Amino acid sequence: MARERADAVVVQGIFFSKTIADLAIKHRLPAASVFRSFVAVGGLMSYGADIPYLFRHSALFVHRILQGAKPADLPGAARRAWRRKDPERVAEIIRASE
């Protein structure tokens, strides 16, 4: 990462880990992934589907359909949420790595 002078790291798929997050912090690179758990292991942010929310929400649609609602009549919904570390905590992590 440092040798190629990257400006940021986007971790794709399931290849996120604490090691990758630690390397990004060590080289002072912002790191993002599509999985929320990447933030929990030290990544800066995630942007992607909230899988537990989707499962809970889909159960409501199944319930409504089983109660007789027509699928075409069910509302569509868009939910957007960024998960990130507290900016002060990020600054603290970067200062600690210097």
N, C-alpha and C. Protein backbone atom coordinates (compact mmCIF):
# COMPACT_ATOMS: atom_id res chain seq x y z
N MET A 1 0.83 -1.19 0.00
CA MET A 1 0.00 0.00 0.00
C MET A 1 0.87 1.25 0.00
N ALA A 2 1.87 1.27 0.88
CA ALA A 2 2.71 2.47 0.99
C ALA A 2 3.60 2.62 -0.25
N ARG A 3 4.13 1.51 -0.72
CA ARG A 3 5.04 1.54 -1.87
C ARG A 3 4.35 2.12 -3.10
N GLU A 4 3.09 1.77 -3.30
CA GLU A 4 2.33 2.25 -4.46
C GLU A 4 1.73 3.63 -4.23
N ARG A 5 1.91 4.18 -3.03
CA ARG A 5 1.41 5.51 -2.66
C ARG A 5 -0.10 5.64 -2.85
N ALA A 6 -0.80 4.69 -2.33
CA ALA A 6 -2.27 4.71 -2.40
C ALA A 6 -2.82 5.86 -1.56
N ASP A 7 -3.96 6.40 -1.97
CA ASP A 7 -4.62 7.46 -1.22
C ASP A 7 -5.66 6.89 -0.26
N ALA A 8 -6.13 5.69 -0.56
CA ALA A 8 -7.15 5.05 0.27
C ALA A 8 -7.18 3.56 -0.09
N VAL A 9 -7.89 2.80 0.73
CA VAL A 9 -8.03 1.36 0.50
C VAL A 9 -9.51 1.01 0.55
N VAL A 10 -9.98 0.31 -0.47
CA VAL A 10 -11.34 -0.23 -0.47
C VAL A 10 -11.20 -1.74 -0.44
N VAL A 11 -11.68 -2.34 0.63
CA VAL A 11 -11.56 -3.78 0.81
C VAL A 11 -12.82 -4.44 0.27
N GLN A 12 -12.65 -5.27 -0.75
CA GLN A 12 -13.79 -5.90 -1.42
C GLN A 12 -14.05 -7.29 -0.86
N GLY A 13 -15.28 -7.72 -1.02
CA GLY A 13 -15.65 -9.09 -0.64
C GLY A 13 -15.41 -9.38 0.82
N ILE A 14 -15.05 -10.61 1.10
CA ILE A 14 -14.89 -11.04 2.49
C ILE A 14 -13.45 -10.94 2.96
N PHE A 15 -12.62 -10.20 2.24
CA PHE A 15 -11.21 -10.15 2.56
C PHE A 15 -10.84 -9.08 3.58
N PHE A 16 -11.80 -8.65 4.37
CA PHE A 16 -11.48 -7.68 5.40
C PHE A 16 -10.99 -8.42 6.63
N SER A 17 -10.12 -7.79 7.37
CA SER A 17 -9.64 -8.38 8.62
C SER A 17 -8.99 -7.30 9.45
N LYS A 18 -8.72 -7.63 10.69
CA LYS A 18 -8.05 -6.70 11.58
C LYS A 18 -6.65 -6.39 11.04
N THR A 19 -6.01 -7.37 10.44
CA THR A 19 -4.66 -7.16 9.89
C THR A 19 -4.69 -6.08 8.81
N ILE A 20 -5.66 -6.14 7.90
CA ILE A 20 -5.78 -5.14 6.84
C ILE A 20 -6.09 -3.77 7.44
N ALA A 21 -6.99 -3.74 8.41
CA ALA A 21 -7.32 -2.47 9.06
C ALA A 21 -6.09 -1.90 9.77
N ASP A 22 -5.33 -2.74 10.45
CA ASP A 22 -4.13 -2.28 11.14
C ASP A 22 -3.08 -1.76 10.16
N LEU A 23 -2.93 -2.43 9.02
CA LEU A 23 -1.98 -1.96 8.00
C LEU A 23 -2.40 -0.60 7.46
N ALA A 24 -3.68 -0.43 7.23
CA ALA A 24 -4.17 0.86 6.73
C ALA A 24 -3.89 1.96 7.74
N ILE A 25 -4.12 1.68 9.02
CA ILE A 25 -3.85 2.67 10.07
C ILE A 25 -2.36 2.97 10.13
N LYS A 26 -1.54 1.93 10.08
CA LYS A 26 -0.09 2.09 10.14
C LYS A 26 0.41 3.01 9.02
N HIS A 27 -0.17 2.87 7.83
CA HIS A 27 0.25 3.67 6.68
C HIS A 27 -0.62 4.92 6.48
N ARG A 28 -1.46 5.20 7.49
CA ARG A 28 -2.30 6.40 7.51
C ARG A 28 -3.19 6.51 6.28
N LEU A 29 -3.83 5.39 5.93
CA LEU A 29 -4.73 5.34 4.78
C LEU A 29 -6.16 5.11 5.26
N PRO A 30 -7.11 5.88 4.76
CA PRO A 30 -8.51 5.57 5.07
C PRO A 30 -8.89 4.25 4.40
N ALA A 31 -9.59 3.40 5.13
CA ALA A 31 -9.97 2.08 4.60
C ALA A 31 -11.48 1.89 4.75
N ALA A 32 -12.10 1.38 3.68
CA ALA A 32 -13.54 1.17 3.67
C ALA A 32 -13.86 -0.21 3.13
N SER A 33 -15.03 -0.72 3.48
CA SER A 33 -15.50 -2.01 3.00
C SER A 33 -17.02 -1.98 2.89
N VAL A 34 -17.58 -2.98 2.27
CA VAL A 34 -19.03 -3.06 2.17
C VAL A 34 -19.64 -3.72 3.40
N PHE A 35 -18.81 -4.27 4.28
CA PHE A 35 -19.32 -4.97 5.46
C PHE A 35 -19.19 -4.12 6.71
N ARG A 36 -20.26 -4.04 7.49
CA ARG A 36 -20.27 -3.26 8.72
C ARG A 36 -19.24 -3.77 9.71
N SER A 37 -18.97 -5.06 9.71
CA SER A 37 -18.05 -5.62 10.68
C SER A 37 -16.61 -5.14 10.45
N PHE A 38 -16.31 -4.61 9.27
CA PHE A 38 -14.98 -4.06 9.02
C PHE A 38 -14.69 -2.89 9.95
N VAL A 39 -15.70 -2.08 10.24
CA VAL A 39 -15.53 -0.96 11.16
C VAL A 39 -15.22 -1.49 12.56
N ALA A 40 -15.85 -2.59 12.94
CA ALA A 40 -15.62 -3.17 14.27
C ALA A 40 -14.19 -3.66 14.45
N VAL A 41 -13.52 -4.08 13.37
CA VAL A 41 -12.15 -4.56 13.49
C VAL A 41 -11.12 -3.47 13.24
N GLY A 42 -11.57 -2.23 13.00
CA GLY A 42 -10.64 -1.12 12.87
C GLY A 42 -10.69 -0.34 11.59
N GLY A 43 -11.51 -0.76 10.62
CA GLY A 43 -11.64 0.00 9.38
C GLY A 43 -12.32 1.33 9.63
N LEU A 44 -12.10 2.29 8.74
CA LEU A 44 -12.66 3.63 8.93
C LEU A 44 -14.16 3.65 8.71
N MET A 45 -14.64 2.99 7.64
CA MET A 45 -16.07 3.07 7.35
C MET A 45 -16.53 1.89 6.51
N SER A 46 -17.83 1.74 6.47
CA SER A 46 -18.44 0.75 5.59
C SER A 46 -19.61 1.41 4.87
N TYR A 47 -19.89 0.92 3.69
CA TYR A 47 -21.03 1.41 2.94
C TYR A 47 -21.58 0.23 2.17
N GLY A 48 -22.70 -0.24 2.59
CA GLY A 48 -23.30 -1.39 1.95
C GLY A 48 -24.59 -1.77 2.64
N ALA A 49 -25.15 -2.85 2.22
CA ALA A 49 -26.42 -3.32 2.77
C ALA A 49 -26.24 -3.74 4.22
N ASP A 50 -27.24 -3.43 5.03
CA ASP A 50 -27.29 -3.88 6.41
C ASP A 50 -28.04 -5.21 6.40
N ILE A 51 -27.29 -6.30 6.31
CA ILE A 51 -27.88 -7.63 6.11
C ILE A 51 -28.89 -7.99 7.21
N PRO A 52 -28.58 -7.82 8.51
CA PRO A 52 -29.60 -8.14 9.52
C PRO A 52 -30.90 -7.36 9.33
N TYR A 53 -30.77 -6.06 8.96
CA TYR A 53 -31.97 -5.26 8.70
C TYR A 53 -32.76 -5.84 7.53
N LEU A 54 -32.07 -6.23 6.47
CA LEU A 54 -32.76 -6.79 5.30
C LEU A 54 -33.55 -8.05 5.65
N PHE A 55 -32.95 -8.92 6.47
CA PHE A 55 -33.66 -10.13 6.88
C PHE A 55 -34.90 -9.79 7.71
N ARG A 56 -34.75 -8.86 8.67
CA ARG A 56 -35.91 -8.48 9.48
C ARG A 56 -37.00 -7.86 8.61
N HIS A 57 -36.58 -6.98 7.70
CA HIS A 57 -37.54 -6.28 6.84
C HIS A 57 -38.24 -7.27 5.89
N SER A 58 -37.50 -8.23 5.36
CA SER A 58 -38.12 -9.20 4.44
C SER A 58 -39.13 -10.06 5.18
N ALA A 59 -38.90 -10.34 6.45
CA ALA A 59 -39.87 -11.11 7.23
C ALA A 59 -41.20 -10.37 7.32
N LEU A 60 -41.15 -9.04 7.41
CA LEU A 60 -42.40 -8.26 7.44
C LEU A 60 -43.16 -8.39 6.12
N PHE A 61 -42.43 -8.39 5.00
CA PHE A 61 -43.08 -8.56 3.71
C PHE A 61 -43.71 -9.94 3.59
N VAL A 62 -42.99 -10.96 4.02
CA VAL A 62 -43.53 -12.32 3.98
C VAL A 62 -44.80 -12.39 4.82
N HIS A 63 -44.77 -11.80 6.01
CA HIS A 63 -45.95 -11.80 6.89
C HIS A 63 -47.14 -11.13 6.20
N ARG A 64 -46.90 -9.98 5.57
CA ARG A 64 -48.00 -9.27 4.89
C ARG A 64 -48.56 -10.09 3.74
N ILE A 65 -47.69 -10.75 2.99
CA ILE A 65 -48.15 -11.58 1.86
C ILE A 65 -48.96 -12.75 2.37
N LEU A 66 -48.50 -13.39 3.45
CA LEU A 66 -49.25 -14.52 4.03
C LEU A 66 -50.59 -14.09 4.60
N GLN A 67 -50.70 -12.81 4.95
CA GLN A 67 -51.97 -12.27 5.44
C GLN A 67 -52.89 -11.86 4.31
N GLY A 68 -52.42 -12.00 3.05
CA GLY A 68 -53.28 -11.73 1.91
C GLY A 68 -52.93 -10.52 1.06
N ALA A 69 -51.93 -9.78 1.45
CA ALA A 69 -51.54 -8.61 0.65
C ALA A 69 -50.93 -9.06 -0.68
N LYS A 70 -51.16 -8.26 -1.71
CA LYS A 70 -50.56 -8.55 -3.00
C LYS A 70 -49.15 -7.96 -3.02
N PRO A 71 -48.17 -8.73 -3.48
CA PRO A 71 -46.80 -8.22 -3.50
C PRO A 71 -46.66 -6.88 -4.24
N ALA A 72 -47.43 -6.70 -5.31
CA ALA A 72 -47.34 -5.45 -6.08
C ALA A 72 -47.83 -4.25 -5.27
N ASP A 73 -48.65 -4.50 -4.25
CA ASP A 73 -49.18 -3.41 -3.44
C ASP A 73 -48.28 -3.03 -2.27
N LEU A 74 -47.24 -3.82 -2.03
CA LEU A 74 -46.35 -3.53 -0.91
C LEU A 74 -45.39 -2.40 -1.29
N PRO A 75 -45.14 -1.51 -0.36
CA PRO A 75 -44.26 -0.38 -0.68
C PRO A 75 -42.80 -0.82 -0.80
N GLY A 76 -42.10 -0.16 -1.69
CA GLY A 76 -40.65 -0.36 -1.76
C GLY A 76 -40.01 0.63 -0.81
N ALA A 77 -38.85 0.33 -0.33
CA ALA A 77 -38.21 1.24 0.60
C ALA A 77 -36.72 1.32 0.30
N ALA A 78 -36.18 2.49 0.46
CA ALA A 78 -34.74 2.69 0.32
C ALA A 78 -34.21 3.15 1.67
N ARG A 79 -33.22 2.46 2.14
CA ARG A 79 -32.62 2.82 3.43
C ARG A 79 -31.13 2.99 3.20
N ARG A 80 -30.64 4.13 3.57
CA ARG A 80 -29.21 4.39 3.39
C ARG A 80 -28.62 4.74 4.74
N ALA A 81 -27.49 4.14 5.04
CA ALA A 81 -26.82 4.45 6.29
C ALA A 81 -25.33 4.22 6.15
N TRP A 82 -24.57 5.18 6.60
CA TRP A 82 -23.12 5.05 6.63
C TRP A 82 -22.74 4.59 8.02
N ARG A 83 -21.81 3.70 8.10
CA ARG A 83 -21.27 3.28 9.38
C ARG A 83 -19.81 3.72 9.38
N ARG A 84 -19.45 4.51 10.35
CA ARG A 84 -18.06 4.97 10.40
C ARG A 84 -17.64 5.12 11.85
N LYS A 85 -16.38 5.21 12.03
CA LYS A 85 -15.86 5.46 13.35
C LYS A 85 -16.05 6.94 13.68
N ASP A 86 -16.06 7.23 14.94
CA ASP A 86 -16.12 8.61 15.39
C ASP A 86 -14.89 9.35 14.87
N PRO A 87 -15.05 10.51 14.20
CA PRO A 87 -13.90 11.22 13.62
C PRO A 87 -12.80 11.52 14.63
N GLU A 88 -13.16 11.81 15.87
CA GLU A 88 -12.14 12.07 16.89
C GLU A 88 -11.34 10.81 17.18
N ARG A 89 -12.00 9.66 17.17
CA ARG A 89 -11.32 8.38 17.40
C ARG A 89 -10.38 8.08 16.23
N VAL A 90 -10.81 8.38 15.01
CA VAL A 90 -9.96 8.17 13.83
C VAL A 90 -8.71 9.02 13.94
N ALA A 91 -8.87 10.30 14.31
CA ALA A 91 -7.72 11.19 14.47
C ALA A 91 -6.77 10.66 15.55
N GLU A 92 -7.33 10.16 16.61
CA GLU A 92 -6.52 9.60 17.71
C GLU A 92 -5.71 8.39 17.22
N ILE A 93 -6.36 7.51 16.44
CA ILE A 93 -5.69 6.33 15.90
C ILE A 93 -4.54 6.75 14.98
N ILE A 94 -4.79 7.72 14.13
CA ILE A 94 -3.74 8.18 13.20
C ILE A 94 -2.59 8.82 13.96
N ARG A 95 -2.88 9.64 14.96
CA ARG A 95 -1.81 10.26 15.75
C ARG A 95 -0.99 9.19 16.47
N ALA A 96 -1.65 8.14 16.97
CA ALA A 96 -0.95 7.07 17.68
C ALA A 96 -0.03 6.28 16.78
N SER A 97 -0.34 6.25 15.47
CA SER A 97 0.47 5.47 14.54
C SER A 97 1.69 6.25 14.04
N GLU A 98 1.77 7.53 14.37
CA GLU A 98 2.89 8.35 13.88
C GLU A 98 4.16 8.04 14.65
